[in-house]
């Protein structure tokens, strides 16, 4: 929970790959667990945290690097 100039901290909900959270259409799955996680991440964003689903090692590493090095807005 290390703050930077834009956020109070970084929260990553780690997933193996996008298929765990997205339908083939690209929309989030209606699965209760995924929807609850999505709702939590949205609330954390509202409170000033960078909060995202991180899918796979390369994506998660890039998000962490971005957060600590460039400190740009995380998407």
C-alpha atoms as a PDB file:
ATOM      1  CA  UNK A   1       0.000   0.000   0.000  1.00  0.00           C
ATOM      2  CA  UNK A   2       2.672   2.465  -1.062  1.00  0.00           C
ATOM      3  CA  UNK A   3       1.168   5.800  -2.180  1.00  0.00           C
ATOM      4  CA  UNK A   4       2.451   7.696  -5.196  1.00  0.00           C
ATOM      5  CA  UNK A   5       1.517  11.140  -6.483  1.00  0.00           C
ATOM      6  CA  UNK A   6      -1.772   9.892  -8.002  1.00  0.00           C
ATOM      7  CA  UNK A   7      -3.018   7.071  -5.762  1.00  0.00           C
ATOM      8  CA  UNK A   8      -3.212   5.950  -2.135  1.00  0.00           C
ATOM      9  CA  UNK A   9      -1.878   2.511  -3.153  1.00  0.00           C
ATOM     10  CA  UNK A  10      -2.019  -0.214  -5.782  1.00  0.00           C
ATOM     11  CA  UNK A  11      -4.453  -3.148  -5.550  1.00  0.00           C
ATOM     12  CA  UNK A  12      -4.234  -5.943  -8.142  1.00  0.00           C
ATOM     13  CA  UNK A  13      -6.742  -8.788  -8.309  1.00  0.00           C
ATOM     14  CA  UNK A  14      -4.499 -11.410  -9.913  1.00  0.00           C
ATOM     15  CA  UNK A  15      -5.860 -13.721 -12.581  1.00  0.00           C
ATOM     16  CA  UNK A  16      -4.070 -16.327 -14.685  1.00  0.00           C
ATOM     17  CA  UNK A  17      -5.565 -14.942 -17.898  1.00  0.00           C
ATOM     18  CA  UNK A  18      -8.437 -12.829 -19.221  1.00  0.00           C
ATOM     19  CA  UNK A  19     -10.680 -15.852 -19.786  1.00  0.00           C
ATOM     20  CA  UNK A  20     -11.200 -16.029 -16.019  1.00  0.00           C
ATOM     21  CA  UNK A  21     -13.028 -12.689 -15.979  1.00  0.00           C
ATOM     22  CA  UNK A  22     -14.175 -11.911 -19.536  1.00  0.00           C
ATOM     23  CA  UNK A  23     -16.698 -13.473 -21.898  1.00  0.00           C
ATOM     24  CA  UNK A  24     -15.709 -13.972 -25.541  1.00  0.00           C
ATOM     25  CA  UNK A  25     -17.600 -10.741 -26.276  1.00  0.00           C
ATOM     26  CA  UNK A  26     -15.110  -8.834 -24.094  1.00  0.00           C
ATOM     27  CA  UNK A  27     -17.648  -8.054 -21.360  1.00  0.00           C
ATOM     28  CA  UNK A  28     -17.133  -9.129 -17.764  1.00  0.00           C
ATOM     29  CA  UNK A  29     -18.608 -12.500 -16.866  1.00  0.00           C
ATOM     30  CA  UNK A  30     -21.841 -12.531 -14.873  1.00  0.00           C
ATOM     31  CA  UNK A  31     -20.230 -14.931 -12.415  1.00  0.00           C
ATOM     32  CA  UNK A  32     -21.048 -13.824  -8.844  1.00  0.00           C
ATOM     33  CA  UNK A  33     -17.404 -14.004  -7.731  1.00  0.00           C
ATOM     34  CA  UNK A  34     -16.147 -11.903 -10.658  1.00  0.00           C
ATOM     35  CA  UNK A  35     -18.930  -9.348 -10.189  1.00  0.00           C
ATOM     36  CA  UNK A  36     -18.124  -9.002  -6.465  1.00  0.00           C
ATOM     37  CA  UNK A  37     -14.433  -8.503  -7.254  1.00  0.00           C
ATOM     38  CA  UNK A  38     -15.291  -5.937  -9.922  1.00  0.00           C
ATOM     39  CA  UNK A  39     -17.512  -4.063  -7.481  1.00  0.00           C
ATOM     40  CA  UNK A  40     -14.707  -4.045  -4.871  1.00  0.00           C
ATOM     41  CA  UNK A  41     -12.178  -2.750  -7.398  1.00  0.00           C
ATOM     42  CA  UNK A  42     -14.561   0.013  -8.485  1.00  0.00           C
ATOM     43  CA  UNK A  43     -15.076   1.058  -4.856  1.00  0.00           C
ATOM     44  CA  UNK A  44     -11.318   1.099  -4.235  1.00  0.00           C
ATOM     45  CA  UNK A  45     -10.875   3.304  -7.324  1.00  0.00           C
ATOM     46  CA  UNK A  46     -13.549   5.648  -5.976  1.00  0.00           C
ATOM     47  CA  UNK A  47     -11.552   5.866  -2.742  1.00  0.00           C
ATOM     48  CA  UNK A  48      -8.372   6.882  -4.583  1.00  0.00           C
ATOM     49  CA  UNK A  49      -6.562   3.585  -5.161  1.00  0.00           C
ATOM     50  CA  UNK A  50      -5.229   2.183  -8.402  1.00  0.00           C
ATOM     51  CA  UNK A  51      -7.262  -1.040  -8.461  1.00  0.00           C
ATOM     52  CA  UNK A  52      -7.365  -3.448 -11.400  1.00  0.00           C
ATOM     53  CA  UNK A  53      -7.598  -7.038 -12.522  1.00  0.00           C
ATOM     54  CA  UNK A  54      -4.084  -8.166 -13.442  1.00  0.00           C
ATOM     55  CA  UNK A  55      -3.988 -10.991 -15.966  1.00  0.00           C
ATOM     56  CA  UNK A  56      -0.784 -12.929 -16.448  1.00  0.00           C
ATOM     57  CA  UNK A  57       2.766 -12.201 -15.404  1.00  0.00           C
ATOM     58  CA  UNK A  58       3.644  -9.741 -18.172  1.00  0.00           C
ATOM     59  CA  UNK A  59       0.566  -7.574 -17.600  1.00  0.00           C
ATOM     60  CA  UNK A  60       1.000  -7.546 -13.822  1.00  0.00           C
ATOM     61  CA  UNK A  61       4.705  -6.688 -14.114  1.00  0.00           C
ATOM     62  CA  UNK A  62       3.945  -3.797 -16.467  1.00  0.00           C
ATOM     63  CA  UNK A  63       1.287  -2.419 -14.106  1.00  0.00           C
ATOM     64  CA  UNK A  64       3.674  -2.556 -11.139  1.00  0.00           C
ATOM     65  CA  UNK A  65       6.489  -0.967 -13.163  1.00  0.00           C
ATOM     66  CA  UNK A  66       4.140   1.784 -14.350  1.00  0.00           C
ATOM     67  CA  UNK A  67       2.906   2.438 -10.822  1.00  0.00           C
ATOM     68  CA  UNK A  68       6.332   2.740  -9.213  1.00  0.00           C
ATOM     69  CA  UNK A  69       8.380   4.199 -12.070  1.00  0.00           C
ATOM     70  CA  UNK A  70       6.286   6.460 -14.235  1.00  0.00           C
ATOM     71  CA  UNK A  71       3.441   7.054 -11.789  1.00  0.00           C
ATOM     72  CA  UNK A  72       0.934   7.620 -14.590  1.00  0.00           C
ATOM     73  CA  UNK A  73      -2.743   6.832 -14.317  1.00  0.00           C
ATOM     74  CA  UNK A  74      -3.273   3.055 -14.206  1.00  0.00           C
ATOM     75  CA  UNK A  75      -5.912   1.609 -16.533  1.00  0.00           C
END
